[in-house]
Amino acid sequence: MALLYLWPIAYLARRTDGAARALERGAGAAEGLSRRIGYAAAWLTLALVGLQFVVVLLRYVFGIGSIALQESVLYLHASLFLLAGAYTLLVDGHVRVDMFYRTAKPKARAMVDFAGAYLFLLPFMLTAFVMSYPYVASSWAVHEGSRETSGIQGVYLLKTLILIFAAMMLIQGFALAARAALRLTGRADEGEHHGATI
């Protein structure tokens, strides 16, 4: 169904230079956003490792436990994976169960990327966003915090990452589909797999 109303975009890209340039600019902007957020999220890895080291050191060497520090590790872990999801899609780092994709011709790969984005990725992420919104909104309404009194009182902020993740994946999914449409219509190099480069 999605292909029926989105295929005209690819058709216009084939017929007009202006539409192709607009697709190229839109995809470039989306990819730039994914790249910047991905690079920023990468620093969370360092913070996560350092904080986990401190938690282990305090607990097993000094006998000091801190619920807030332990919850901070959880917050950093969730932030890292949810904020880096779109960047991982950009660089083609998600697990791909492919028996044919790797050896397929560039046009066939572009068709798989295009159809996969519009038939699976975008509808799923849109559903995730819509279904998660009430869950996040109710958390914000009460400023949900940790069940532990000494824990982090920002669970509502953590849950907001679900919406940010879904929105970023939607944006990057459109970029992926736009690049595939440009390859399918001959407006981009057939051998180019834009997402695999950084």
C-alpha atoms as a PDB file:
ATOM      1  CA  MET A   1       0.000   0.000   0.000  1.00  0.00           C
ATOM      2  CA  ALA A   2       2.793   2.400   0.938  1.00  0.00           C
ATOM      3  CA  LEU A   3       4.468   1.831  -2.416  1.00  0.00           C
ATOM      4  CA  LEU A   4       1.297   2.944  -4.193  1.00  0.00           C
ATOM      5  CA  TYR A   5       1.411   6.453  -2.769  1.00  0.00           C
ATOM      6  CA  LEU A   6       5.173   6.809  -2.413  1.00  0.00           C
ATOM      7  CA  TRP A   7       6.237   5.474  -5.782  1.00  0.00           C
ATOM      8  CA  PRO A   8       5.302   8.829  -7.423  1.00  0.00           C
ATOM      9  CA  ILE A   9       8.220  10.346  -5.489  1.00  0.00           C
ATOM     10  CA  ALA A  10      10.584   7.984  -7.264  1.00  0.00           C
ATOM     11  CA  TYR A  11       8.799   8.656 -10.554  1.00  0.00           C
ATOM     12  CA  LEU A  12       9.226  12.412 -10.123  1.00  0.00           C
ATOM     13  CA  ALA A  13      12.876  11.906  -9.232  1.00  0.00           C
ATOM     14  CA  ARG A  14      13.317  10.098 -12.518  1.00  0.00           C
ATOM     15  CA  ARG A  15      11.498  12.745 -14.549  1.00  0.00           C
ATOM     16  CA  THR A  16      12.674  15.995 -13.005  1.00  0.00           C
ATOM     17  CA  ASP A  17      16.031  17.201 -11.793  1.00  0.00           C
ATOM     18  CA  GLY A  18      14.340  19.401  -9.187  1.00  0.00           C
ATOM     19  CA  ALA A  19      12.595  16.488  -7.482  1.00  0.00           C
ATOM     20  CA  ALA A  20      15.806  14.443  -7.542  1.00  0.00           C
ATOM     21  CA  ARG A  21      17.754  17.325  -5.994  1.00  0.00           C
ATOM     22  CA  ALA A  22      15.040  17.774  -3.347  1.00  0.00           C
ATOM     23  CA  LEU A  23      15.215  14.070  -2.492  1.00  0.00           C
ATOM     24  CA  GLU A  24      19.009  14.285  -2.357  1.00  0.00           C
ATOM     25  CA  ARG A  25      18.921  17.334  -0.067  1.00  0.00           C
ATOM     26  CA  GLY A  26      16.279  15.798   2.197  1.00  0.00           C
ATOM     27  CA  ALA A  27      18.194  12.534   2.479  1.00  0.00           C
ATOM     28  CA  GLY A  28      21.426  14.426   3.141  1.00  0.00           C
ATOM     29  CA  ALA A  29      19.826  16.488   5.915  1.00  0.00           C
ATOM     30  CA  ALA A  30      18.329  13.384   7.550  1.00  0.00           C
ATOM     31  CA  GLU A  31      21.631  11.532   7.323  1.00  0.00           C
ATOM     32  CA  GLY A  32      23.495  14.518   8.759  1.00  0.00           C
ATOM     33  CA  LEU A  33      21.139  14.583  11.744  1.00  0.00           C
ATOM     34  CA  SER A  34      21.523  10.827  12.287  1.00  0.00           C
ATOM     35  CA  ARG A  35      25.293  11.121  12.020  1.00  0.00           C
ATOM     36  CA  ARG A  36      25.556  14.004  14.516  1.00  0.00           C
ATOM     37  CA  ILE A  37      23.313  12.306  17.076  1.00  0.00           C
ATOM     38  CA  GLY A  38      25.136   8.997  16.556  1.00  0.00           C
ATOM     39  CA  TYR A  39      28.530  10.607  17.141  1.00  0.00           C
ATOM     40  CA  ALA A  40      27.240  12.334  20.272  1.00  0.00           C
ATOM     41  CA  ALA A  41      25.705   9.075  21.536  1.00  0.00           C
ATOM     42  CA  ALA A  42      29.035   7.295  21.018  1.00  0.00           C
ATOM     43  CA  TRP A  43      30.473   9.328  23.910  1.00  0.00           C
ATOM     44  CA  LEU A  44      27.920   7.673  26.155  1.00  0.00           C
ATOM     45  CA  THR A  45      29.910   4.450  25.731  1.00  0.00           C
ATOM     46  CA  LEU A  46      32.868   5.985  27.531  1.00  0.00           C
ATOM     47  CA  ALA A  47      30.630   7.351  30.280  1.00  0.00           C
ATOM     48  CA  LEU A  48      28.882   3.981  30.589  1.00  0.00           C
ATOM     49  CA  VAL A  49      32.130   2.034  31.000  1.00  0.00           C
ATOM     50  CA  GLY A  50      33.541   4.578  33.458  1.00  0.00           C
ATOM     51  CA  LEU A  51      30.391   4.661  35.542  1.00  0.00           C
ATOM     52  CA  GLN A  52      30.100   0.867  35.632  1.00  0.00           C
ATOM     53  CA  PHE A  53      33.725   0.692  36.799  1.00  0.00           C
ATOM     54  CA  VAL A  54      32.956   3.158  39.606  1.00  0.00           C
ATOM     55  CA  VAL A  55      29.856   1.163  40.665  1.00  0.00           C
ATOM     56  CA  VAL A  56      31.836  -2.091  40.823  1.00  0.00           C
ATOM     57  CA  LEU A  57      34.769  -0.421  42.614  1.00  0.00           C
ATOM     58  CA  LEU A  58      32.522   1.194  45.236  1.00  0.00           C
ATOM     59  CA  ARG A  59      30.531  -1.968  45.831  1.00  0.00           C
ATOM     60  CA  TYR A  60      33.210  -4.653  45.911  1.00  0.00           C
ATOM     61  CA  VAL A  61      36.227  -2.718  47.156  1.00  0.00           C
ATOM     62  CA  PHE A  62      34.686  -0.165  49.517  1.00  0.00           C
ATOM     63  CA  GLY A  63      31.370  -1.887  50.302  1.00  0.00           C
ATOM     64  CA  ILE A  64      29.349   1.155  49.251  1.00  0.00           C
ATOM     65  CA  GLY A  65      26.188   0.703  47.198  1.00  0.00           C
ATOM     66  CA  SER A  66      24.355   3.439  45.357  1.00  0.00           C
ATOM     67  CA  ILE A  67      20.995   2.877  43.709  1.00  0.00           C
ATOM     68  CA  ALA A  68      21.262   6.186  41.851  1.00  0.00           C
ATOM     69  CA  LEU A  69      24.609   5.170  40.335  1.00  0.00           C
ATOM     70  CA  GLN A  70      23.267   1.755  39.357  1.00  0.00           C
ATOM     71  CA  GLU A  71      20.231   3.365  37.733  1.00  0.00           C
ATOM     72  CA  SER A  72      22.552   5.812  35.945  1.00  0.00           C
ATOM     73  CA  VAL A  73      24.158   2.820  34.206  1.00  0.00           C
ATOM     74  CA  LEU A  74      20.697   1.739  33.033  1.00  0.00           C
ATOM     75  CA  TYR A  75      19.897   5.265  31.809  1.00  0.00           C
ATOM     76  CA  LEU A  76      23.170   5.511  29.888  1.00  0.00           C
ATOM     77  CA  HIS A  77      22.710   2.057  28.368  1.00  0.00           C
ATOM     78  CA  ALA A  78      19.187   2.870  27.179  1.00  0.00           C
ATOM     79  CA  SER A  79      20.261   6.279  25.880  1.00  0.00           C
ATOM     80  CA  LEU A  80      23.166   4.806  23.942  1.00  0.00           C
ATOM     81  CA  PHE A  81      21.114   2.186  22.143  1.00  0.00           C
ATOM     82  CA  LEU A  82      18.043   4.305  21.489  1.00  0.00           C
ATOM     83  CA  LEU A  83      19.918   7.401  20.314  1.00  0.00           C
ATOM     84  CA  ALA A  84      22.353   5.461  18.123  1.00  0.00           C
ATOM     85  CA  GLY A  85      19.685   3.395  16.339  1.00  0.00           C
ATOM     86  CA  ALA A  86      19.275   5.762  13.381  1.00  0.00           C
ATOM     87  CA  TYR A  87      23.036   6.125  12.945  1.00  0.00           C
ATOM     88  CA  THR A  88      23.369   2.338  12.946  1.00  0.00           C
ATOM     89  CA  LEU A  89      20.767   2.201  10.168  1.00  0.00           C
ATOM     90  CA  LEU A  90      22.665   4.896   8.272  1.00  0.00           C
ATOM     91  CA  VAL A  91      25.905   2.884   8.270  1.00  0.00           C
ATOM     92  CA  ASP A  92      24.064  -0.399   7.587  1.00  0.00           C
ATOM     93  CA  GLY A  93      25.065  -1.783  10.975  1.00  0.00           C
ATOM     94  CA  HIS A  94      21.790  -3.463  11.928  1.00  0.00           C
ATOM     95  CA  VAL A  95      21.598  -7.229  11.735  1.00  0.00           C
ATOM     96  CA  ARG A  96      20.458  -8.182   8.266  1.00  0.00           C
ATOM     97  CA  VAL A  97      19.310 -11.732   7.598  1.00  0.00           C
ATOM     98  CA  ASP A  98      20.226 -11.887   3.948  1.00  0.00           C
ATOM     99  CA  MET A  99      20.907 -14.815   1.731  1.00  0.00           C
ATOM    100  CA  PHE A 100      20.695 -12.880  -1.507  1.00  0.00           C
ATOM    101  CA  TYR A 101      21.109  -9.167  -0.720  1.00  0.00           C
ATOM    102  CA  ARG A 102      24.892  -9.157  -0.510  1.00  0.00           C
ATOM    103  CA  THR A 103      25.314 -10.809  -3.914  1.00  0.00           C
ATOM    104  CA  ALA A 104      22.361  -9.086  -5.610  1.00  0.00           C
ATOM    105  CA  LYS A 105      22.775  -6.444  -8.294  1.00  0.00           C
ATOM    106  CA  PRO A 106      22.667  -2.794  -7.159  1.00  0.00           C
ATOM    107  CA  LYS A 107      19.145  -2.228  -8.560  1.00  0.00           C
ATOM    108  CA  ALA A 108      17.850  -5.304  -6.722  1.00  0.00           C
ATOM    109  CA  ARG A 109      19.439  -4.081  -3.483  1.00  0.00           C
ATOM    110  CA  ALA A 110      17.895  -0.647  -4.021  1.00  0.00           C
ATOM    111  CA  MET A 111      14.470  -2.246  -4.492  1.00  0.00           C
ATOM    112  CA  VAL A 112      14.903  -4.274  -1.287  1.00  0.00           C
ATOM    113  CA  ASP A 113      15.944  -1.108   0.598  1.00  0.00           C
ATOM    114  CA  PHE A 114      13.036   0.876  -0.853  1.00  0.00           C
ATOM    115  CA  ALA A 115      10.399  -1.783  -0.207  1.00  0.00           C
ATOM    116  CA  GLY A 116      11.839  -2.705   3.187  1.00  0.00           C
ATOM    117  CA  ALA A 117      11.781   0.904   4.340  1.00  0.00           C
ATOM    118  CA  TYR A 118       8.216   1.621   3.204  1.00  0.00           C
ATOM    119  CA  LEU A 119       6.598  -1.727   3.887  1.00  0.00           C
ATOM    120  CA  PHE A 120       8.290  -2.642   7.170  1.00  0.00           C
ATOM    121  CA  LEU A 121      10.515  -0.008   8.789  1.00  0.00           C
ATOM    122  CA  LEU A 122       8.364   3.108   8.434  1.00  0.00           C
ATOM    123  CA  PRO A 123       4.995   1.504   9.343  1.00  0.00           C
ATOM    124  CA  PHE A 124       6.558  -0.251  12.335  1.00  0.00           C
ATOM    125  CA  MET A 125       8.268   2.905  13.615  1.00  0.00           C
ATOM    126  CA  LEU A 126       5.122   4.986  13.070  1.00  0.00           C
ATOM    127  CA  THR A 127       3.134   2.396  15.033  1.00  0.00           C
ATOM    128  CA  ALA A 128       5.783   2.368  17.769  1.00  0.00           C
ATOM    129  CA  PHE A 129       5.605   6.173  18.014  1.00  0.00           C
ATOM    130  CA  VAL A 130       1.803   6.304  18.110  1.00  0.00           C
ATOM    131  CA  MET A 131       1.458   3.426  20.569  1.00  0.00           C
ATOM    132  CA  SER A 132       4.225   4.754  22.850  1.00  0.00           C
ATOM    133  CA  TYR A 133       2.952   8.317  22.997  1.00  0.00           C
ATOM    134  CA  PRO A 134       0.221   7.710  25.659  1.00  0.00           C
ATOM    135  CA  TYR A 135       2.693   5.637  27.700  1.00  0.00           C
ATOM    136  CA  VAL A 136       5.236   8.470  27.673  1.00  0.00           C
ATOM    137  CA  ALA A 137       2.591  11.177  28.166  1.00  0.00           C
ATOM    138  CA  SER A 138       1.199   9.466  31.269  1.00  0.00           C
ATOM    139  CA  SER A 139       4.724   9.216  32.664  1.00  0.00           C
ATOM    140  CA  TRP A 140       5.243  12.943  32.068  1.00  0.00           C
ATOM    141  CA  ALA A 141       1.865  13.769  33.650  1.00  0.00           C
ATOM    142  CA  VAL A 142       3.024  12.444  37.009  1.00  0.00           C
ATOM    143  CA  HIS A 143       6.755  13.107  36.521  1.00  0.00           C
ATOM    144  CA  GLU A 144       7.367   9.418  37.086  1.00  0.00           C
ATOM    145  CA  GLY A 145      10.465   8.633  39.071  1.00  0.00           C
ATOM    146  CA  SER A 146      12.301   5.663  40.440  1.00  0.00           C
ATOM    147  CA  ARG A 147      10.489   3.253  42.752  1.00  0.00           C
ATOM    148  CA  GLU A 148      13.466   3.587  45.060  1.00  0.00           C
ATOM    149  CA  THR A 149      13.572   6.739  47.192  1.00  0.00           C
ATOM    150  CA  SER A 150      17.283   7.195  46.531  1.00  0.00           C
ATOM    151  CA  GLY A 151      16.937   6.432  42.816  1.00  0.00           C
ATOM    152  CA  ILE A 152      16.807   8.800  39.862  1.00  0.00           C
ATOM    153  CA  GLN A 153      13.518  10.657  39.711  1.00  0.00           C
ATOM    154  CA  GLY A 154      13.538  10.979  35.928  1.00  0.00           C
ATOM    155  CA  VAL A 155      11.909   7.841  34.542  1.00  0.00           C
ATOM    156  CA  TYR A 156       9.692  10.067  32.393  1.00  0.00           C
ATOM    157  CA  LEU A 157      12.831  11.385  30.667  1.00  0.00           C
ATOM    158  CA  LEU A 158      14.063   7.850  30.072  1.00  0.00           C
ATOM    159  CA  LYS A 159      10.720   6.861  28.535  1.00  0.00           C
ATOM    160  CA  THR A 160      10.871   9.899  26.243  1.00  0.00           C
ATOM    161  CA  LEU A 161      13.806   8.236  24.506  1.00  0.00           C
ATOM    162  CA  ILE A 162      11.335   5.743  23.011  1.00  0.00           C
ATOM    163  CA  LEU A 163       9.631   8.558  21.095  1.00  0.00           C
ATOM    164  CA  ILE A 164      12.968  10.080  20.075  1.00  0.00           C
ATOM    165  CA  PHE A 165      14.149   6.673  18.839  1.00  0.00           C
ATOM    166  CA  ALA A 166      10.997   6.121  16.771  1.00  0.00           C
ATOM    167  CA  ALA A 167      11.158   9.643  15.302  1.00  0.00           C
ATOM    168  CA  MET A 168      14.839   9.309  14.408  1.00  0.00           C
ATOM    169  CA  MET A 169      14.265   5.918  12.793  1.00  0.00           C
ATOM    170  CA  LEU A 170      11.390   7.390  10.776  1.00  0.00           C
ATOM    171  CA  ILE A 171      13.613  10.219   9.558  1.00  0.00           C
ATOM    172  CA  GLN A 172      16.471   7.878   8.695  1.00  0.00           C
ATOM    173  CA  GLY A 173      14.034   5.424   7.089  1.00  0.00           C
ATOM    174  CA  PHE A 174      12.843   8.163   4.731  1.00  0.00           C
ATOM    175  CA  ALA A 175      16.475   8.938   3.890  1.00  0.00           C
ATOM    176  CA  LEU A 176      17.166   5.273   3.190  1.00  0.00           C
ATOM    177  CA  ALA A 177      14.133   5.034   0.931  1.00  0.00           C
ATOM    178  CA  ALA A 178      15.018   8.308  -0.834  1.00  0.00           C
ATOM    179  CA  ARG A 179      18.531   7.053  -1.598  1.00  0.00           C
ATOM    180  CA  ALA A 180      17.078   3.776  -2.863  1.00  0.00           C
ATOM    181  CA  ALA A 181      14.575   5.647  -5.043  1.00  0.00           C
ATOM    182  CA  LEU A 182      17.372   7.722  -6.536  1.00  0.00           C
ATOM    183  CA  ARG A 183      19.344   4.573  -7.342  1.00  0.00           C
ATOM    184  CA  LEU A 184      16.269   2.885  -8.817  1.00  0.00           C
ATOM    185  CA  THR A 185      15.562   5.844 -11.080  1.00  0.00           C
ATOM    186  CA  GLY A 186      19.150   6.216 -12.235  1.00  0.00           C
ATOM    187  CA  ARG A 187      19.696   9.527 -10.406  1.00  0.00           C
ATOM    188  CA  ALA A 188      22.421   8.063  -8.184  1.00  0.00           C
ATOM    189  CA  ASP A 189      25.347   5.793  -8.813  1.00  0.00           C
ATOM    190  CA  GLU A 190      24.063   2.211  -8.943  1.00  0.00           C
ATOM    191  CA  GLY A 191      27.129   0.907  -7.165  1.00  0.00           C
ATOM    192  CA  GLU A 192      26.733   3.392  -4.348  1.00  0.00           C
ATOM    193  CA  HIS A 193      25.380   2.136  -1.084  1.00  0.00           C
ATOM    194  CA  HIS A 194      25.247   5.467   0.696  1.00  0.00           C
ATOM    195  CA  GLY A 195      24.500   4.122   4.137  1.00  0.00           C
ATOM    196  CA  ALA A 196      27.608   2.008   4.321  1.00  0.00           C
ATOM    197  CA  THR A 197      29.923   5.019   4.189  1.00  0.00           C
ATOM    198  CA  ILE A 198      30.634   7.449   7.013  1.00  0.00           C
END
